[in-house]
Amino acid sequence: MDTLTLEQFRRQLSDAVGRAEHGGKATYVTRHGHPAAVLISPDDYEDLIRLRDEYDRKVVLERQAAAQADPDRMVAFNSAEELRTALGSTGDASPPDRC
């Protein structure tokens, strides 16, 4: 992975996009010495999203199994989205079929 300052990235944008698009090579961008962004190919981005979604589903299933095994156990969620996912909500107002 290449690391470029924001100014370098601006000057080398076309090359960085080409490396990501055709070579699958990420470019790490810093601003004032701190991480600011990472440029990756669309395929790599989709892979990361898929892996994150798979991990999220695994965590939810594990928590559901634990809750079913011990119904008196308290389950904590880190966000409303995590709770909706655990409850199987699709965003509408209807309650889930099963918790």
C-alpha atoms as a PDB file:
ATOM      1  CA  MET A   1       0.000   0.000   0.000  1.00  0.00           C
ATOM      2  CA  ASP A   2       1.308   3.436  -0.923  1.00  0.00           C
ATOM      3  CA  THR A   3       1.123   6.288   1.559  1.00  0.00           C
ATOM      4  CA  LEU A   4       0.759   9.825   0.247  1.00  0.00           C
ATOM      5  CA  THR A   5       0.189  13.178   1.873  1.00  0.00           C
ATOM      6  CA  LEU A   6      -2.984  14.930   0.771  1.00  0.00           C
ATOM      7  CA  GLU A   7      -0.941  17.296  -1.410  1.00  0.00           C
ATOM      8  CA  GLN A   8       0.886  14.357  -3.045  1.00  0.00           C
ATOM      9  CA  PHE A   9      -2.421  12.590  -3.526  1.00  0.00           C
ATOM     10  CA  ARG A  10      -3.879  15.623  -5.312  1.00  0.00           C
ATOM     11  CA  ARG A  11      -0.938  15.669  -7.717  1.00  0.00           C
ATOM     12  CA  GLN A  12      -1.000  11.891  -8.251  1.00  0.00           C
ATOM     13  CA  LEU A  13      -4.760  11.284  -8.204  1.00  0.00           C
ATOM     14  CA  SER A  14      -4.923   9.763 -11.678  1.00  0.00           C
ATOM     15  CA  ASP A  15      -2.042   7.386 -10.940  1.00  0.00           C
ATOM     16  CA  ALA A  16      -3.533   6.397  -7.572  1.00  0.00           C
ATOM     17  CA  VAL A  17      -6.907   5.660  -9.170  1.00  0.00           C
ATOM     18  CA  GLY A  18      -5.178   3.599 -11.855  1.00  0.00           C
ATOM     19  CA  ARG A  19      -3.268   1.574  -9.248  1.00  0.00           C
ATOM     20  CA  ALA A  20      -6.490   0.892  -7.350  1.00  0.00           C
ATOM     21  CA  GLU A  21      -8.594   0.169 -10.418  1.00  0.00           C
ATOM     22  CA  HIS A  22      -6.165  -1.954 -12.412  1.00  0.00           C
ATOM     23  CA  GLY A  23      -3.613  -3.163  -9.883  1.00  0.00           C
ATOM     24  CA  GLY A  24      -5.787  -3.620  -6.816  1.00  0.00           C
ATOM     25  CA  LYS A  25      -3.331  -1.474  -4.864  1.00  0.00           C
ATOM     26  CA  ALA A  26      -4.640   0.756  -2.071  1.00  0.00           C
ATOM     27  CA  THR A  27      -3.395   4.286  -1.425  1.00  0.00           C
ATOM     28  CA  TYR A  28      -3.328   5.548   2.154  1.00  0.00           C
ATOM     29  CA  VAL A  29      -3.764   9.333   2.385  1.00  0.00           C
ATOM     30  CA  THR A  30      -2.577  11.444   5.314  1.00  0.00           C
ATOM     31  CA  ARG A  31      -3.376  15.039   6.239  1.00  0.00           C
ATOM     32  CA  HIS A  32      -1.045  16.875   8.620  1.00  0.00           C
ATOM     33  CA  GLY A  33       0.572  13.525   9.424  1.00  0.00           C
ATOM     34  CA  HIS A  34      -2.684  11.838  10.429  1.00  0.00           C
ATOM     35  CA  PRO A  35      -4.707   9.207   8.542  1.00  0.00           C
ATOM     36  CA  ALA A  36      -7.353  10.890   6.381  1.00  0.00           C
ATOM     37  CA  ALA A  37      -8.540   8.384   3.781  1.00  0.00           C
ATOM     38  CA  VAL A  38      -7.812   5.207   1.863  1.00  0.00           C
ATOM     39  CA  LEU A  39      -8.423   4.844  -1.868  1.00  0.00           C
ATOM     40  CA  ILE A  40      -9.312   1.292  -2.882  1.00  0.00           C
ATOM     41  CA  SER A  41     -10.895  -0.365  -5.893  1.00  0.00           C
ATOM     42  CA  PRO A  42     -14.655  -0.858  -6.074  1.00  0.00           C
ATOM     43  CA  ASP A  43     -14.119  -4.636  -5.883  1.00  0.00           C
ATOM     44  CA  ASP A  44     -12.056  -4.295  -2.702  1.00  0.00           C
ATOM     45  CA  TYR A  45     -14.689  -1.964  -1.233  1.00  0.00           C
ATOM     46  CA  GLU A  46     -17.492  -4.439  -2.019  1.00  0.00           C
ATOM     47  CA  ASP A  47     -15.442  -7.244  -0.440  1.00  0.00           C
ATOM     48  CA  LEU A  48     -14.980  -5.186   2.736  1.00  0.00           C
ATOM     49  CA  ILE A  49     -18.689  -4.379   2.919  1.00  0.00           C
ATOM     50  CA  ARG A  50     -19.573  -8.047   2.385  1.00  0.00           C
ATOM     51  CA  LEU A  51     -17.142  -9.150   5.108  1.00  0.00           C
ATOM     52  CA  ARG A  52     -18.482  -6.523   7.518  1.00  0.00           C
ATOM     53  CA  ASP A  53     -22.063  -7.597   6.828  1.00  0.00           C
ATOM     54  CA  GLU A  54     -21.162 -11.272   7.329  1.00  0.00           C
ATOM     55  CA  TYR A  55     -19.472 -10.426  10.629  1.00  0.00           C
ATOM     56  CA  ASP A  56     -22.467  -8.355  11.766  1.00  0.00           C
ATOM     57  CA  ARG A  57     -24.846 -11.228  10.944  1.00  0.00           C
ATOM     58  CA  LYS A  58     -22.617 -13.672  12.831  1.00  0.00           C
ATOM     59  CA  VAL A  59     -22.592 -11.453  15.931  1.00  0.00           C
ATOM     60  CA  VAL A  60     -26.371 -11.034  15.831  1.00  0.00           C
ATOM     61  CA  LEU A  61     -26.932 -14.781  15.437  1.00  0.00           C
ATOM     62  CA  GLU A  62     -24.580 -15.502  18.333  1.00  0.00           C
ATOM     63  CA  ARG A  63     -26.421 -13.008  20.539  1.00  0.00           C
ATOM     64  CA  GLN A  64     -29.795 -14.407  19.523  1.00  0.00           C
ATOM     65  CA  ALA A  65     -28.640 -17.942  20.324  1.00  0.00           C
ATOM     66  CA  ALA A  66     -27.308 -16.806  23.703  1.00  0.00           C
ATOM     67  CA  ALA A  67     -30.566 -14.997  24.481  1.00  0.00           C
ATOM     68  CA  GLN A  68     -32.628 -18.056  23.547  1.00  0.00           C
ATOM     69  CA  ALA A  69     -30.404 -20.314  25.644  1.00  0.00           C
ATOM     70  CA  ASP A  70     -30.832 -18.056  28.693  1.00  0.00           C
ATOM     71  CA  PRO A  71     -33.967 -15.883  28.365  1.00  0.00           C
ATOM     72  CA  ASP A  72     -33.216 -14.092  31.651  1.00  0.00           C
ATOM     73  CA  ARG A  73     -29.832 -12.929  30.348  1.00  0.00           C
ATOM     74  CA  MET A  74     -29.594  -9.231  29.560  1.00  0.00           C
ATOM     75  CA  VAL A  75     -28.354  -8.397  26.051  1.00  0.00           C
ATOM     76  CA  ALA A  76     -26.730  -5.034  25.294  1.00  0.00           C
ATOM     77  CA  PHE A  77     -26.715  -3.427  21.863  1.00  0.00           C
ATOM     78  CA  ASN A  78     -24.250  -0.796  20.685  1.00  0.00           C
ATOM     79  CA  SER A  79     -26.682   1.047  18.414  1.00  0.00           C
ATOM     80  CA  ALA A  80     -30.308   1.247  17.366  1.00  0.00           C
ATOM     81  CA  GLU A  81     -29.320  -0.281  14.029  1.00  0.00           C
ATOM     82  CA  GLU A  82     -27.806  -3.276  15.810  1.00  0.00           C
ATOM     83  CA  LEU A  83     -31.019  -3.700  17.803  1.00  0.00           C
ATOM     84  CA  ARG A  84     -33.167  -3.497  14.647  1.00  0.00           C
ATOM     85  CA  THR A  85     -30.958  -6.080  12.976  1.00  0.00           C
ATOM     86  CA  ALA A  86     -31.220  -8.400  15.977  1.00  0.00           C
ATOM     87  CA  LEU A  87     -34.990  -8.051  15.991  1.00  0.00           C
ATOM     88  CA  GLY A  88     -35.197  -8.658  12.267  1.00  0.00           C
ATOM     89  CA  SER A  89     -36.742  -5.266  11.523  1.00  0.00           C
ATOM     90  CA  THR A  90     -36.891  -4.183   7.894  1.00  0.00           C
ATOM     91  CA  GLY A  91     -37.473  -0.549   8.750  1.00  0.00           C
ATOM     92  CA  ASP A  92     -41.265  -0.681   8.816  1.00  0.00           C
ATOM     93  CA  ALA A  93     -43.384  -0.257  11.927  1.00  0.00           C
ATOM     94  CA  SER A  94     -44.540  -3.877  12.101  1.00  0.00           C
ATOM     95  CA  PRO A  95     -43.070  -6.017  14.872  1.00  0.00           C
ATOM     96  CA  PRO A  96     -40.703  -8.831  13.929  1.00  0.00           C
ATOM     97  CA  ASP A  97     -42.127 -12.330  13.509  1.00  0.00           C
ATOM     98  CA  ARG A  98     -39.725 -13.699  16.071  1.00  0.00           C
ATOM     99  CA  CYS A  99     -37.066 -12.359  18.401  1.00  0.00           C
END
